[in-house]
PDB file of N, CA and C in Angstrom:
ATOM      1  N   MET A   1       0.654  -1.209  -0.126  1.00  0.00           N
ATOM      2  CA  MET A   1       0.080  -0.248   0.589  1.00  0.00           C
ATOM      3  C   MET A   1       1.053   1.359  -0.205  1.00  0.00           C
ATOM      4  N   PRO A   2       0.653   1.854  -0.383  1.00  0.00           N
ATOM      5  CA  PRO A   2       1.651   3.595  -0.543  1.00  0.00           C
ATOM      6  C   PRO A   2       0.792   3.807   0.688  1.00  0.00           C
ATOM      7  N   PRO A   3       2.267   4.826   0.864  1.00  0.00           N
ATOM      8  CA  PRO A   3       2.507   5.420   2.728  1.00  0.00           C
ATOM      9  C   PRO A   3       1.364   6.563   2.537  1.00  0.00           C
ATOM     10  N   THR A   4       1.020   6.924   4.555  1.00  0.00           N
ATOM     11  CA  THR A   4      -0.160   7.475   5.308  1.00  0.00           C
ATOM     12  C   THR A   4       0.157   7.799   5.795  1.00  0.00           C
ATOM     13  N   LEU A   5       0.428   9.566   5.896  1.00  0.00           N
ATOM     14  CA  LEU A   5       0.780  10.871   6.516  1.00  0.00           C
ATOM     15  C   LEU A   5       0.112  11.098   7.901  1.00  0.00           C
ATOM     16  N   GLU A   6       0.173  11.082   8.587  1.00  0.00           N
ATOM     17  CA  GLU A   6      -1.020  11.453   9.824  1.00  0.00           C
ATOM     18  C   GLU A   6      -0.602  12.355  10.737  1.00  0.00           C
ATOM     19  N   VAL A   7      -1.242  13.888  10.122  1.00  0.00           N
ATOM     20  CA  VAL A   7      -0.517  15.342  10.547  1.00  0.00           C
ATOM     21  C   VAL A   7      -1.660  15.818  12.136  1.00  0.00           C
ATOM     22  N   GLU A   8      -0.769  16.505  12.537  1.00  0.00           N
ATOM     23  CA  GLU A   8      -2.132  17.312  12.934  1.00  0.00           C
ATOM     24  C   GLU A   8      -1.465  18.453  13.067  1.00  0.00           C
ATOM     25  N   CYS A   9      -2.143  19.364  13.183  1.00  0.00           N
ATOM     26  CA  CYS A   9      -2.236  21.232  13.330  1.00  0.00           C
ATOM     27  C   CYS A   9      -2.409  21.460  14.937  1.00  0.00           C
ATOM     28  N   THR A  10      -1.085  22.037  15.163  1.00  0.00           N
ATOM     29  CA  THR A  10      -0.688  22.807  16.435  1.00  0.00           C
ATOM     30  C   THR A  10      -1.066  24.297  16.474  1.00  0.00           C
ATOM     31  N   SER A  11      -1.924  24.645  16.408  1.00  0.00           N
ATOM     32  CA  SER A  11      -2.410  25.954  16.072  1.00  0.00           C
ATOM     33  C   SER A  11      -3.190  26.335  16.597  1.00  0.00           C
ATOM     34  N   ASP A  12      -3.264  27.176  17.764  1.00  0.00           N
ATOM     35  CA  ASP A  12      -4.290  26.958  18.445  1.00  0.00           C
ATOM     36  C   ASP A  12      -5.501  28.121  17.531  1.00  0.00           C
ATOM     37  N   ASP A  13      -5.431  28.713  16.396  1.00  0.00           N
ATOM     38  CA  ASP A  13      -6.749  29.386  16.246  1.00  0.00           C
ATOM     39  C   ASP A  13      -7.121  28.614  14.519  1.00  0.00           C
ATOM     40  N   CYS A  14      -6.889  26.848  14.384  1.00  0.00           N
ATOM     41  CA  CYS A  14      -7.291  26.430  13.648  1.00  0.00           C
ATOM     42  C   CYS A  14      -8.521  25.492  14.118  1.00  0.00           C
ATOM     43  N   GLU A  15      -9.622  24.833  13.890  1.00  0.00           N
ATOM     44  CA  GLU A  15     -10.522  23.986  14.555  1.00  0.00           C
ATOM     45  C   GLU A  15      -9.561  22.228  13.523  1.00  0.00           C
ATOM     46  N   ILE A  16      -8.322  22.550  12.679  1.00  0.00           N
ATOM     47  CA  ILE A  16      -8.803  21.084  12.410  1.00  0.00           C
ATOM     48  C   ILE A  16      -7.792  20.681  13.718  1.00  0.00           C
ATOM     49  N   ASP A  17      -8.075  19.271  13.777  1.00  0.00           N
ATOM     50  CA  ASP A  17      -7.154  18.352  15.340  1.00  0.00           C
ATOM     51  C   ASP A  17      -6.296  17.209  14.373  1.00  0.00           C
ATOM     52  N   MET A  18      -6.641  16.596  12.949  1.00  0.00           N
ATOM     53  CA  MET A  18      -5.884  15.778  12.601  1.00  0.00           C
ATOM     54  C   MET A  18      -6.622  15.558  11.072  1.00  0.00           C
ATOM     55  N   PHE A  19      -5.001  14.874  10.243  1.00  0.00           N
ATOM     56  CA  PHE A  19      -5.544  14.907   9.222  1.00  0.00           C
ATOM     57  C   PHE A  19      -4.716  13.358   8.565  1.00  0.00           C
ATOM     58  N   GLU A  20      -4.940  13.586   7.391  1.00  0.00           N
ATOM     59  CA  GLU A  20      -4.436  12.510   6.574  1.00  0.00           C
ATOM     60  C   GLU A  20      -4.300  12.959   5.389  1.00  0.00           C
ATOM     61  N   LEU A  21      -2.625  12.277   4.772  1.00  0.00           N
ATOM     62  CA  LEU A  21      -2.615  12.127   3.560  1.00  0.00           C
ATOM     63  C   LEU A  21      -1.812  11.056   3.256  1.00  0.00           C
ATOM     64  N   HIS A  22      -2.756  10.224   1.831  1.00  0.00           N
ATOM     65  CA  HIS A  22      -2.556   9.060   1.779  1.00  0.00           C
ATOM     66  C   HIS A  22      -2.516   9.395  -0.216  1.00  0.00           C
ATOM     67  N   TYR A  23      -0.848   9.192  -0.830  1.00  0.00           N
ATOM     68  CA  TYR A  23      -0.396   9.701  -1.301  1.00  0.00           C
ATOM     69  C   TYR A  23       0.362   8.531  -2.257  1.00  0.00           C
ATOM     70  N   THR A  24      -0.062   8.349  -3.848  1.00  0.00           N
ATOM     71  CA  THR A  24       1.082   7.128  -4.409  1.00  0.00           C
ATOM     72  C   THR A  24       2.652   6.832  -4.255  1.00  0.00           C
ATOM     73  N   TYR A  25       2.951   5.719  -4.546  1.00  0.00           N
ATOM     74  CA  TYR A  25       4.546   4.879  -4.722  1.00  0.00           C
ATOM     75  C   TYR A  25       5.254   6.909  -5.411  1.00  0.00           C
ATOM     76  N   ASP A  26       4.875   6.865  -6.383  1.00  0.00           N
ATOM     77  CA  ASP A  26       5.682   7.959  -6.934  1.00  0.00           C
ATOM     78  C   ASP A  26       6.004   9.328  -6.342  1.00  0.00           C
ATOM     79  N   MET A  27       5.697   9.653  -5.072  1.00  0.00           N
ATOM     80  CA  MET A  27       6.291  10.230  -3.675  1.00  0.00           C
ATOM     81  C   MET A  27       7.614   9.402  -3.780  1.00  0.00           C
ATOM     82  N   PRO A  28       8.742  11.016  -3.567  1.00  0.00           N
ATOM     83  CA  PRO A  28       9.784  11.424  -3.224  1.00  0.00           C
ATOM     84  C   PRO A  28       9.857   9.947  -1.802  1.00  0.00           C
ATOM     85  N   ASP A  29      11.144   9.706  -1.707  1.00  0.00           N
ATOM     86  CA  ASP A  29      10.809   9.031  -0.765  1.00  0.00           C
ATOM     87  C   ASP A  29      11.292  10.418   1.541  1.00  0.00           C
ATOM     88  N   ASP A  30      12.392  11.081   0.069  1.00  0.00           N
ATOM     89  CA  ASP A  30      12.056  12.548   1.712  1.00  0.00           C
ATOM     90  C   ASP A  30      10.879  13.507   1.256  1.00  0.00           C
ATOM     91  N   VAL A  31       9.898  13.325   0.943  1.00  0.00           N
ATOM     92  CA  VAL A  31       9.170  14.150   1.757  1.00  0.00           C
ATOM     93  C   VAL A  31       8.390  14.078   2.393  1.00  0.00           C
ATOM     94  N   GLY A  32       8.443  14.627   3.202  1.00  0.00           N
ATOM     95  CA  GLY A  32       7.275  14.424   4.745  1.00  0.00           C
ATOM     96  C   GLY A  32       6.780  17.063   5.081  1.00  0.00           C
ATOM     97  N   VAL A  33       6.647  15.711   6.738  1.00  0.00           N
ATOM     98  CA  VAL A  33       4.940  17.058   6.590  1.00  0.00           C
ATOM     99  C   VAL A  33       4.820  18.654   7.154  1.00  0.00           C
ATOM    100  N   GLU A  34       6.704  18.699   6.390  1.00  0.00           N
ATOM    101  CA  GLU A  34       6.953  20.207   6.332  1.00  0.00           C
ATOM    102  C   GLU A  34       7.727  20.425   4.236  1.00  0.00           C
ATOM    103  N   ASP A  35       6.764  19.914   4.229  1.00  0.00           N
ATOM    104  CA  ASP A  35       6.496  19.904   2.617  1.00  0.00           C
ATOM    105  C   ASP A  35       4.752  19.968   2.389  1.00  0.00           C
ATOM    106  N   PHE A  36       3.949  20.685   3.089  1.00  0.00           N
ATOM    107  CA  PHE A  36       2.032  20.213   3.482  1.00  0.00           C
ATOM    108  C   PHE A  36       2.365  21.311   3.805  1.00  0.00           C
ATOM    109  N   SER A  37       1.111  22.319   3.341  1.00  0.00           N
ATOM    110  CA  SER A  37       0.107  22.440   4.432  1.00  0.00           C
ATOM    111  C   SER A  37      -1.508  22.779   5.300  1.00  0.00           C
ATOM    112  N   CYS A  38      -1.526  23.621   5.833  1.00  0.00           N
ATOM    113  CA  CYS A  38      -2.924  22.595   7.292  1.00  0.00           C
ATOM    114  C   CYS A  38      -3.939  23.183   5.730  1.00  0.00           C
ATOM    115  N   PRO A  39      -4.817  22.482   4.783  1.00  0.00           N
ATOM    116  CA  PRO A  39      -5.572  22.561   4.683  1.00  0.00           C
ATOM    117  C   PRO A  39      -6.776  23.900   4.987  1.00  0.00           C
ATOM    118  N   TYR A  40      -7.445  24.149   6.306  1.00  0.00           N
ATOM    119  CA  TYR A  40      -8.224  24.684   7.558  1.00  0.00           C
ATOM    120  C   TYR A  40      -7.371  25.478   7.168  1.00  0.00           C
ATOM    121  N   CYS A  41      -6.252  26.278   8.181  1.00  0.00           N
ATOM    122  CA  CYS A  41      -5.937  27.736   8.015  1.00  0.00           C
ATOM    123  C   CYS A  41      -4.742  28.767   7.372  1.00  0.00           C
ATOM    124  N   GLY A  42      -3.892  27.214   6.790  1.00  0.00           N
ATOM    125  CA  GLY A  42      -2.599  27.161   5.882  1.00  0.00           C
ATOM    126  C   GLY A  42      -1.524  27.291   5.896  1.00  0.00           C
ATOM    127  N   GLY A  43      -1.820  27.178   8.090  1.00  0.00           N
ATOM    128  CA  GLY A  43      -0.089  27.221   8.372  1.00  0.00           C
ATOM    129  C   GLY A  43       0.823  25.615   7.703  1.00  0.00           C
ATOM    130  N   THR A  44       2.213  25.671   7.833  1.00  0.00           N
ATOM    131  CA  THR A  44       3.217  25.144   7.270  1.00  0.00           C
ATOM    132  C   THR A  44       3.314  25.076   9.182  1.00  0.00           C
ATOM    133  N   GLU A  45       4.491  26.395   9.118  1.00  0.00           N
ATOM    134  CA  GLU A  45       4.946  26.164  11.006  1.00  0.00           C
ATOM    135  C   GLU A  45       4.358  24.658  12.424  1.00  0.00           C
ATOM    136  N   CYS A  46       3.117  25.099  11.971  1.00  0.00           N
ATOM    137  CA  CYS A  46       1.850  24.144  12.205  1.00  0.00           C
ATOM    138  C   CYS A  46       1.813  22.423  13.075  1.00  0.00           C
ATOM    139  N   LEU A  47       1.969  21.854  11.822  1.00  0.00           N
ATOM    140  CA  LEU A  47       2.325  21.297  11.243  1.00  0.00           C
ATOM    141  C   LEU A  47       2.804  19.665  11.802  1.00  0.00           C
ATOM    142  N   GLU A  48       2.927  18.883  12.441  1.00  0.00           N
ATOM    143  CA  GLU A  48       3.858  18.227  13.264  1.00  0.00           C
ATOM    144  C   GLU A  48       3.164  16.297  12.558  1.00  0.00           C
ATOM    145  N   GLU A  49       4.032  15.769  12.934  1.00  0.00           N
ATOM    146  CA  GLU A  49       3.403  14.246  12.173  1.00  0.00           C
ATOM    147  C   GLU A  49       2.614  13.743  13.444  1.00  0.00           C
ATOM    148  N   ILE A  50       2.193  12.721  13.169  1.00  0.00           N
ATOM    149  CA  ILE A  50       1.349  12.176  14.428  1.00  0.00           C
ATOM    150  C   ILE A  50       3.127  10.274  14.730  1.00  0.00           C
ATOM    151  N   GLN A  51       3.128  10.097  15.385  1.00  0.00           N
ATOM    152  CA  GLN A  51       3.655   9.139  15.139  1.00  0.00           C
ATOM    153  C   GLN A  51       2.779   7.637  16.243  1.00  0.00           C
ATOM    154  N   LEU A  52       2.595   7.162  16.312  1.00  0.00           N
ATOM    155  CA  LEU A  52       1.776   6.223  16.413  1.00  0.00           C
ATOM    156  C   LEU A  52       2.758   4.946  16.576  1.00  0.00           C
TER     157      LEU A  52
END
């Protein structure tokens, strides 16, 4: 299965608590949470990967 990245937004002004990114095998291996922005508030520095 393609990788799944679970992310939380830690911004106090944001209403989203977590979301999942599902992407294809074609994504580079070094893609991480720092390459994305929150779909709700647009922040980038407030995103953290959820470690299970």
